[in-house]
Structures are given as structure tokens and as C-alpha cells.
Amino acid sequence: MSPYTDEKSLIRHVSQGDPKAFSEIYDRYKPALYRFVFNILKSADLTNDTCQEIFIKIWEDRTKLEEVLSFKYYLLTVGKNHSLNVLKKVLQEEKTHAIFIRNYIEINNEIEEKMQFDEYQDFINSVLLTLPPQSRKIFKLCRLQGMSYDEAALIVGVSRNIIKKHMVKSMKVFRVAVEKDLGIAVNVLSAMSFFACEY
């Protein structure tokens, strides 16, 4: 049986630093506080931690209890304010975490794209080295610099038809190389779609 005659007596003893009185209000009001806080936070673990923090706060500010008319009302008021602060902090952390993840994904996508691009460029360069010098020069003009067959013909000093023949031969070499290198075949074949265009 409680040695405290009523709530006012119990709270008065808590305000005076009586640990047994504090233990009793903890046992008496924890269930109601838990239900109240859980309705805000929707997490059992977070609710348990928050309830502990609330009671610690009440113990630290126990001298204020002398002015309290209804401890339950006071407890739920403190509980609401503290729970909303916890919720705000959690949401901010989740937002920060979401931003971090989004940035991490974007950075990794950029790295992956860069690696694929570098792999593609290495592939193009390795195949170019197998072409005759004239074919290599024409390929660079038409595909890497985006010139038309007519423009390349003027620079090289040959006919448009010769430019086209060089490009057809070069494309055959590329297709064979792609078929042999299956590791990048899909990427290169998709990128090679522009190779099929004639100017």
C-alpha cells in the first residue's frame, strides 16, 4: 500500500527529492504516458526511450512540481512537447538520410556512367588502332568529329564514294570487334546505332 495519502502528497514528496515517491509516480503514470507518446511516434522502441527521457526531465525539474495542480495534465503536456521535438528530429534525420542516399545513388550513377564511357572510349581507340591510317582518319572525321561524307572528302582530298567505302570497311571491323568482346557488346551496340547513319 502506498505510504502517500493522495496525489498531492505524492507529488510534494517528489518535488522534495524523494526517490521512492518518484518511483511510484513512474509506475502509476508510465502506462498512460506510453499510450499518449506512442500515438505520436508510432514506434515502440522510440516511445520507450522517449518516456524514459520525459521522466528524467520531470525528475530534473522536480522543484516545479510544487506549482502543479494536476500531475497527469502536467505529465502529458511535457510528454507532448518532448515527443513532438523527438518526432521533428527523427523526420529531419530521415530527410537528411534520404538526401544522403539520393546523392550517393547519383554519385554512383555518375561514376558508373563515367566507367562505361571510359570503357567505350578505350574500345573505340583499340579498334581504331587496327584500321589503316587513311580509314582511321576518315572514321575520326565522320564519326568522332561529326562531319558529313562530303565534308570529309574535301579535307582528305578524295571523292565522297571513297569516304563511304572506307566507312563501310571500318564498320565491319567494329562489328567483328563487338562480337568478340561480349563484355561491352550491349553498351557498344546501343551506342553504335549512330554508326549506321550515312551523311
C-alpha atoms as a PDB file:
ATOM      1  CA  MET A   1       0.000   0.000   0.000  1.00  0.00           C
ATOM      2  CA  SER A   2       1.265   3.469  -0.879  1.00  0.00           C
ATOM      3  CA  PRO A   3       2.615   5.485   2.087  1.00  0.00           C
ATOM      4  CA  TYR A   4       1.407   8.641   0.354  1.00  0.00           C
ATOM      5  CA  THR A   5      -2.146   9.630   1.218  1.00  0.00           C
ATOM      6  CA  ASP A   6      -3.030  11.294  -2.077  1.00  0.00           C
ATOM      7  CA  GLU A   7      -1.580  12.603  -5.343  1.00  0.00           C
ATOM      8  CA  LYS A   8      -0.703  15.998  -3.859  1.00  0.00           C
ATOM      9  CA  SER A   9       1.255  14.330  -1.102  1.00  0.00           C
ATOM     10  CA  LEU A  10       2.993  12.084  -3.617  1.00  0.00           C
ATOM     11  CA  ILE A  11       3.957  14.961  -5.901  1.00  0.00           C
ATOM     12  CA  ARG A  12       5.119  17.053  -2.926  1.00  0.00           C
ATOM     13  CA  HIS A  13       7.497  14.298  -1.895  1.00  0.00           C
ATOM     14  CA  VAL A  14       8.800  14.020  -5.457  1.00  0.00           C
ATOM     15  CA  SER A  15       9.412  17.777  -5.586  1.00  0.00           C
ATOM     16  CA  GLN A  16      11.425  17.404  -2.368  1.00  0.00           C
ATOM     17  CA  GLY A  17      13.648  14.766  -3.984  1.00  0.00           C
ATOM     18  CA  ASP A  18      12.097  11.562  -2.595  1.00  0.00           C
ATOM     19  CA  PRO A  19      13.237   8.761  -4.964  1.00  0.00           C
ATOM     20  CA  LYS A  20      10.607   6.319  -3.650  1.00  0.00           C
ATOM     21  CA  ALA A  21       7.835   8.815  -4.418  1.00  0.00           C
ATOM     22  CA  PHE A  22       9.288   9.337  -7.880  1.00  0.00           C
ATOM     23  CA  SER A  23       9.391   5.570  -8.438  1.00  0.00           C
ATOM     24  CA  GLU A  24       5.728   5.397  -7.517  1.00  0.00           C
ATOM     25  CA  ILE A  25       4.621   8.131  -9.938  1.00  0.00           C
ATOM     26  CA  TYR A  26       6.696   6.393 -12.602  1.00  0.00           C
ATOM     27  CA  ASP A  27       4.878   3.089 -12.069  1.00  0.00           C
ATOM     28  CA  ARG A  28       1.498   4.793 -11.754  1.00  0.00           C
ATOM     29  CA  TYR A  29       1.668   7.085 -14.798  1.00  0.00           C
ATOM     30  CA  LYS A  30       4.038   5.318 -17.204  1.00  0.00           C
ATOM     31  CA  PRO A  31       1.256   3.287 -18.937  1.00  0.00           C
ATOM     32  CA  ALA A  32      -0.823   6.393 -19.696  1.00  0.00           C
ATOM     33  CA  LEU A  33       2.235   8.309 -20.860  1.00  0.00           C
ATOM     34  CA  TYR A  34       3.321   5.396 -23.040  1.00  0.00           C
ATOM     35  CA  ARG A  35      -0.056   5.246 -24.840  1.00  0.00           C
ATOM     36  CA  PHE A  36      -0.037   9.004 -25.329  1.00  0.00           C
ATOM     37  CA  VAL A  37       3.516   9.130 -26.716  1.00  0.00           C
ATOM     38  CA  PHE A  38       3.025   6.078 -28.902  1.00  0.00           C
ATOM     39  CA  ASN A  39       0.107   7.800 -30.655  1.00  0.00           C
ATOM     40  CA  ILE A  40       2.574  10.493 -31.696  1.00  0.00           C
ATOM     41  CA  LEU A  41       5.699   8.490 -32.508  1.00  0.00           C
ATOM     42  CA  LYS A  42       4.192   5.166 -33.724  1.00  0.00           C
ATOM     43  CA  SER A  43       7.292   3.269 -32.626  1.00  0.00           C
ATOM     44  CA  ALA A  44       7.568   1.058 -29.553  1.00  0.00           C
ATOM     45  CA  ASP A  45      11.334   1.446 -29.161  1.00  0.00           C
ATOM     46  CA  LEU A  46      11.230   5.186 -29.727  1.00  0.00           C
ATOM     47  CA  THR A  47       8.272   5.516 -27.338  1.00  0.00           C
ATOM     48  CA  ASN A  48      10.070   3.629 -24.557  1.00  0.00           C
ATOM     49  CA  ASP A  49      13.168   5.812 -24.923  1.00  0.00           C
ATOM     50  CA  THR A  50      11.088   8.982 -25.050  1.00  0.00           C
ATOM     51  CA  CYS A  51       9.103   8.042 -21.926  1.00  0.00           C
ATOM     52  CA  GLN A  52      12.363   7.493 -20.068  1.00  0.00           C
ATOM     53  CA  GLU A  53      13.620  10.897 -21.212  1.00  0.00           C
ATOM     54  CA  ILE A  54      10.362  12.554 -20.119  1.00  0.00           C
ATOM     55  CA  PHE A  55      10.514  11.126 -16.622  1.00  0.00           C
ATOM     56  CA  ILE A  56      14.179  12.082 -16.358  1.00  0.00           C
ATOM     57  CA  LYS A  57      13.241  15.612 -17.364  1.00  0.00           C
ATOM     58  CA  ILE A  58      10.491  15.695 -14.739  1.00  0.00           C
ATOM     59  CA  TRP A  59      12.921  14.494 -12.071  1.00  0.00           C
ATOM     60  CA  GLU A  60      15.487  17.109 -13.071  1.00  0.00           C
ATOM     61  CA  ASP A  61      12.791  19.824 -12.929  1.00  0.00           C
ATOM     62  CA  ARG A  62      11.075  18.352  -9.858  1.00  0.00           C
ATOM     63  CA  THR A  63      11.058  21.646  -7.958  1.00  0.00           C
ATOM     64  CA  LYS A  64       8.497  22.924 -10.487  1.00  0.00           C
ATOM     65  CA  LEU A  65       6.056  20.257  -9.314  1.00  0.00           C
ATOM     66  CA  GLU A  66       5.165  22.319  -6.239  1.00  0.00           C
ATOM     67  CA  GLU A  67       3.131  24.597  -8.515  1.00  0.00           C
ATOM     68  CA  VAL A  68       1.419  21.760 -10.414  1.00  0.00           C
ATOM     69  CA  LEU A  69      -2.298  21.289  -9.751  1.00  0.00           C
ATOM     70  CA  SER A  70      -2.733  18.132 -11.869  1.00  0.00           C
ATOM     71  CA  PHE A  71       0.311  15.934 -12.317  1.00  0.00           C
ATOM     72  CA  LYS A  72      -1.300  13.905 -15.116  1.00  0.00           C
ATOM     73  CA  TYR A  73      -2.045  17.040 -17.116  1.00  0.00           C
ATOM     74  CA  TYR A  74       1.486  18.309 -16.461  1.00  0.00           C
ATOM     75  CA  LEU A  75       2.992  14.959 -17.459  1.00  0.00           C
ATOM     76  CA  LEU A  76       1.064  14.781 -20.725  1.00  0.00           C
ATOM     77  CA  THR A  77       1.938  18.387 -21.556  1.00  0.00           C
ATOM     78  CA  VAL A  78       5.633  17.716 -21.041  1.00  0.00           C
ATOM     79  CA  GLY A  79       5.189  14.426 -22.905  1.00  0.00           C
ATOM     80  CA  LYS A  80       3.548  16.101 -25.888  1.00  0.00           C
ATOM     81  CA  ASN A  81       6.197  18.797 -26.213  1.00  0.00           C
ATOM     82  CA  HIS A  82       9.078  16.377 -25.860  1.00  0.00           C
ATOM     83  CA  SER A  83       7.517  13.832 -28.227  1.00  0.00           C
ATOM     84  CA  LEU A  84       6.960  16.471 -30.912  1.00  0.00           C
ATOM     85  CA  ASN A  85      10.595  17.535 -30.595  1.00  0.00           C
ATOM     86  CA  VAL A  86      11.677  13.908 -30.932  1.00  0.00           C
ATOM     87  CA  LEU A  87       9.406  13.456 -33.955  1.00  0.00           C
ATOM     88  CA  LYS A  88      10.782  16.605 -35.569  1.00  0.00           C
ATOM     89  CA  LYS A  89      14.330  15.360 -35.006  1.00  0.00           C
ATOM     90  CA  VAL A  90      13.517  11.917 -36.412  1.00  0.00           C
ATOM     91  CA  LEU A  91      11.877  13.378 -39.508  1.00  0.00           C
ATOM     92  CA  GLN A  92      14.839  15.687 -40.041  1.00  0.00           C
ATOM     93  CA  GLU A  93      17.237  12.763 -39.704  1.00  0.00           C
ATOM     94  CA  GLU A  94      15.158  10.745 -42.160  1.00  0.00           C
ATOM     95  CA  LYS A  95      15.149  13.669 -44.577  1.00  0.00           C
ATOM     96  CA  THR A  96      18.911  14.034 -44.208  1.00  0.00           C
ATOM     97  CA  HIS A  97      19.304  10.284 -44.678  1.00  0.00           C
ATOM     98  CA  ALA A  98      17.115  10.369 -47.779  1.00  0.00           C
ATOM     99  CA  ILE A  99      19.172  13.225 -49.232  1.00  0.00           C
ATOM    100  CA  PHE A 100      22.363  11.319 -48.492  1.00  0.00           C
ATOM    101  CA  ILE A 101      21.056   8.191 -50.198  1.00  0.00           C
ATOM    102  CA  ARG A 102      19.837  10.159 -53.214  1.00  0.00           C
ATOM    103  CA  ASN A 103      23.208  11.914 -53.548  1.00  0.00           C
ATOM    104  CA  TYR A 104      25.026   8.618 -53.048  1.00  0.00           C
ATOM    105  CA  ILE A 105      22.992   6.999 -55.827  1.00  0.00           C
ATOM    106  CA  GLU A 106      23.526   9.965 -58.141  1.00  0.00           C
ATOM    107  CA  ILE A 107      27.267   9.968 -57.492  1.00  0.00           C
ATOM    108  CA  ASN A 108      27.498   6.223 -58.048  1.00  0.00           C
ATOM    109  CA  ASN A 109      25.451   6.518 -61.237  1.00  0.00           C
ATOM    110  CA  GLU A 110      27.820   9.216 -62.448  1.00  0.00           C
ATOM    111  CA  ILE A 111      30.815   7.029 -61.605  1.00  0.00           C
ATOM    112  CA  GLU A 112      29.224   4.061 -63.360  1.00  0.00           C
ATOM    113  CA  GLU A 113      28.395   6.154 -66.420  1.00  0.00           C
ATOM    114  CA  LYS A 114      31.939   7.525 -66.425  1.00  0.00           C
ATOM    115  CA  MET A 115      33.338   4.000 -66.233  1.00  0.00           C
ATOM    116  CA  GLN A 116      31.100   2.857 -69.083  1.00  0.00           C
ATOM    117  CA  PHE A 117      32.088   5.892 -71.128  1.00  0.00           C
ATOM    118  CA  ASP A 118      35.780   5.269 -70.452  1.00  0.00           C
ATOM    119  CA  GLU A 119      35.322   1.606 -71.352  1.00  0.00           C
ATOM    120  CA  TYR A 120      33.555   2.597 -74.551  1.00  0.00           C
ATOM    121  CA  GLN A 121      36.302   5.083 -75.448  1.00  0.00           C
ATOM    122  CA  ASP A 122      39.010   2.502 -74.787  1.00  0.00           C
ATOM    123  CA  PHE A 123      37.169   0.079 -77.035  1.00  0.00           C
ATOM    124  CA  ILE A 124      36.847   2.641 -79.847  1.00  0.00           C
ATOM    125  CA  ASN A 125      40.528   3.572 -79.569  1.00  0.00           C
ATOM    126  CA  SER A 126      41.672  -0.045 -79.551  1.00  0.00           C
ATOM    127  CA  VAL A 127      39.678  -0.795 -82.724  1.00  0.00           C
ATOM    128  CA  LEU A 128      40.867   2.403 -84.398  1.00  0.00           C
ATOM    129  CA  LEU A 129      44.461   1.273 -83.952  1.00  0.00           C
ATOM    130  CA  THR A 130      43.720  -1.799 -86.095  1.00  0.00           C
ATOM    131  CA  LEU A 131      42.472   0.327 -89.016  1.00  0.00           C
ATOM    132  CA  PRO A 132      44.720   1.556 -91.821  1.00  0.00           C
ATOM    133  CA  PRO A 133      45.826   5.185 -91.278  1.00  0.00           C
ATOM    134  CA  GLN A 134      43.547   6.538 -94.023  1.00  0.00           C
ATOM    135  CA  SER A 135      40.489   4.666 -92.708  1.00  0.00           C
ATOM    136  CA  ARG A 136      41.280   5.779 -89.170  1.00  0.00           C
ATOM    137  CA  LYS A 137      41.483   9.412 -90.254  1.00  0.00           C
ATOM    138  CA  ILE A 138      38.208   9.205 -92.170  1.00  0.00           C
ATOM    139  CA  PHE A 139      36.428   7.463 -89.291  1.00  0.00           C
ATOM    140  CA  LYS A 140      37.517  10.176 -86.856  1.00  0.00           C
ATOM    141  CA  LEU A 141      36.328  12.905 -89.201  1.00  0.00           C
ATOM    142  CA  CYS A 142      32.940  11.329 -89.897  1.00  0.00           C
ATOM    143  CA  ARG A 143      32.054   9.796 -86.554  1.00  0.00           C
ATOM    144  CA  LEU A 144      34.136  11.408 -83.841  1.00  0.00           C
ATOM    145  CA  GLN A 145      34.012  14.928 -85.286  1.00  0.00           C
ATOM    146  CA  GLY A 146      30.566  14.569 -86.855  1.00  0.00           C
ATOM    147  CA  MET A 147      31.473  15.586 -90.399  1.00  0.00           C
ATOM    148  CA  SER A 148      29.438  14.548 -93.398  1.00  0.00           C
ATOM    149  CA  TYR A 149      30.935  12.378 -96.109  1.00  0.00           C
ATOM    150  CA  ASP A 150      31.147  15.428 -98.394  1.00  0.00           C
ATOM    151  CA  GLU A 151      32.976  17.479 -95.752  1.00  0.00           C
ATOM    152  CA  ALA A 152      35.408  14.638 -95.039  1.00  0.00           C
ATOM    153  CA  ALA A 153      36.011  14.179 -98.772  1.00  0.00           C
ATOM    154  CA  LEU A 154      37.054  17.832 -99.098  1.00  0.00           C
ATOM    155  CA  ILE A 155      39.506  17.559 -96.195  1.00  0.00           C
ATOM    156  CA  VAL A 156      41.039  14.239 -97.250  1.00  0.00           C
ATOM    157  CA  GLY A 157      41.035  15.176-100.932  1.00  0.00           C
ATOM    158  CA  VAL A 158      39.134  12.158-102.230  1.00  0.00           C
ATOM    159  CA  SER A 159      35.647  11.520-103.557  1.00  0.00           C
ATOM    160  CA  ARG A 160      32.572  11.030-101.393  1.00  0.00           C
ATOM    161  CA  ASN A 161      32.343   7.460-102.686  1.00  0.00           C
ATOM    162  CA  ILE A 162      35.822   6.610-101.391  1.00  0.00           C
ATOM    163  CA  ILE A 163      34.897   8.081 -97.995  1.00  0.00           C
ATOM    164  CA  LYS A 164      31.842   5.846 -97.928  1.00  0.00           C
ATOM    165  CA  LYS A 165      33.863   2.721 -98.839  1.00  0.00           C
ATOM    166  CA  HIS A 166      36.333   3.420 -96.030  1.00  0.00           C
ATOM    167  CA  MET A 167      33.458   3.822 -93.579  1.00  0.00           C
ATOM    168  CA  VAL A 168      31.792   0.583 -94.667  1.00  0.00           C
ATOM    169  CA  LYS A 169      35.051  -1.328 -94.148  1.00  0.00           C
ATOM    170  CA  SER A 170      35.641   0.347 -90.798  1.00  0.00           C
ATOM    171  CA  MET A 171      32.157  -0.543 -89.626  1.00  0.00           C
ATOM    172  CA  LYS A 172      32.727  -4.206 -90.493  1.00  0.00           C
ATOM    173  CA  VAL A 173      35.865  -4.165 -88.355  1.00  0.00           C
ATOM    174  CA  PHE A 174      33.926  -2.622 -85.482  1.00  0.00           C
ATOM    175  CA  ARG A 175      31.110  -5.167 -85.709  1.00  0.00           C
ATOM    176  CA  VAL A 176      33.577  -8.061 -85.569  1.00  0.00           C
ATOM    177  CA  ALA A 177      35.325  -6.486 -82.588  1.00  0.00           C
ATOM    178  CA  VAL A 178      31.998  -6.027 -80.792  1.00  0.00           C
ATOM    179  CA  GLU A 179      31.029  -9.657 -81.357  1.00  0.00           C
ATOM    180  CA  LYS A 180      34.341 -10.823 -79.892  1.00  0.00           C
ATOM    181  CA  ASP A 181      34.167  -8.561 -76.857  1.00  0.00           C
ATOM    182  CA  LEU A 182      30.847  -9.657 -75.324  1.00  0.00           C
ATOM    183  CA  GLY A 183      31.644  -7.871 -72.076  1.00  0.00           C
ATOM    184  CA  ILE A 184      30.813  -4.498 -73.612  1.00  0.00           C
ATOM    185  CA  ALA A 185      28.852  -5.669 -76.623  1.00  0.00           C
ATOM    186  CA  VAL A 186      25.479  -4.449 -75.323  1.00  0.00           C
ATOM    187  CA  ASN A 187      26.755  -0.982 -74.438  1.00  0.00           C
ATOM    188  CA  VAL A 188      28.685  -0.572 -77.618  1.00  0.00           C
ATOM    189  CA  LEU A 189      25.949  -1.897 -79.883  1.00  0.00           C
ATOM    190  CA  SER A 190      23.470   0.568 -78.415  1.00  0.00           C
ATOM    191  CA  ALA A 191      25.978   3.371 -78.798  1.00  0.00           C
ATOM    192  CA  MET A 192      26.861   2.202 -82.291  1.00  0.00           C
ATOM    193  CA  SER A 193      23.393   2.981 -83.579  1.00  0.00           C
ATOM    194  CA  PHE A 194      24.712   6.280 -84.832  1.00  0.00           C
ATOM    195  CA  PHE A 195      27.422   4.480 -86.774  1.00  0.00           C
ATOM    196  CA  ALA A 196      24.845   3.115 -89.188  1.00  0.00           C
ATOM    197  CA  CYS A 197      23.878   6.605 -90.384  1.00  0.00           C
ATOM    198  CA  GLU A 198      25.262   7.875 -93.638  1.00  0.00           C
ATOM    199  CA  TYR A 199      25.730  11.523 -94.405  1.00  0.00           C
END
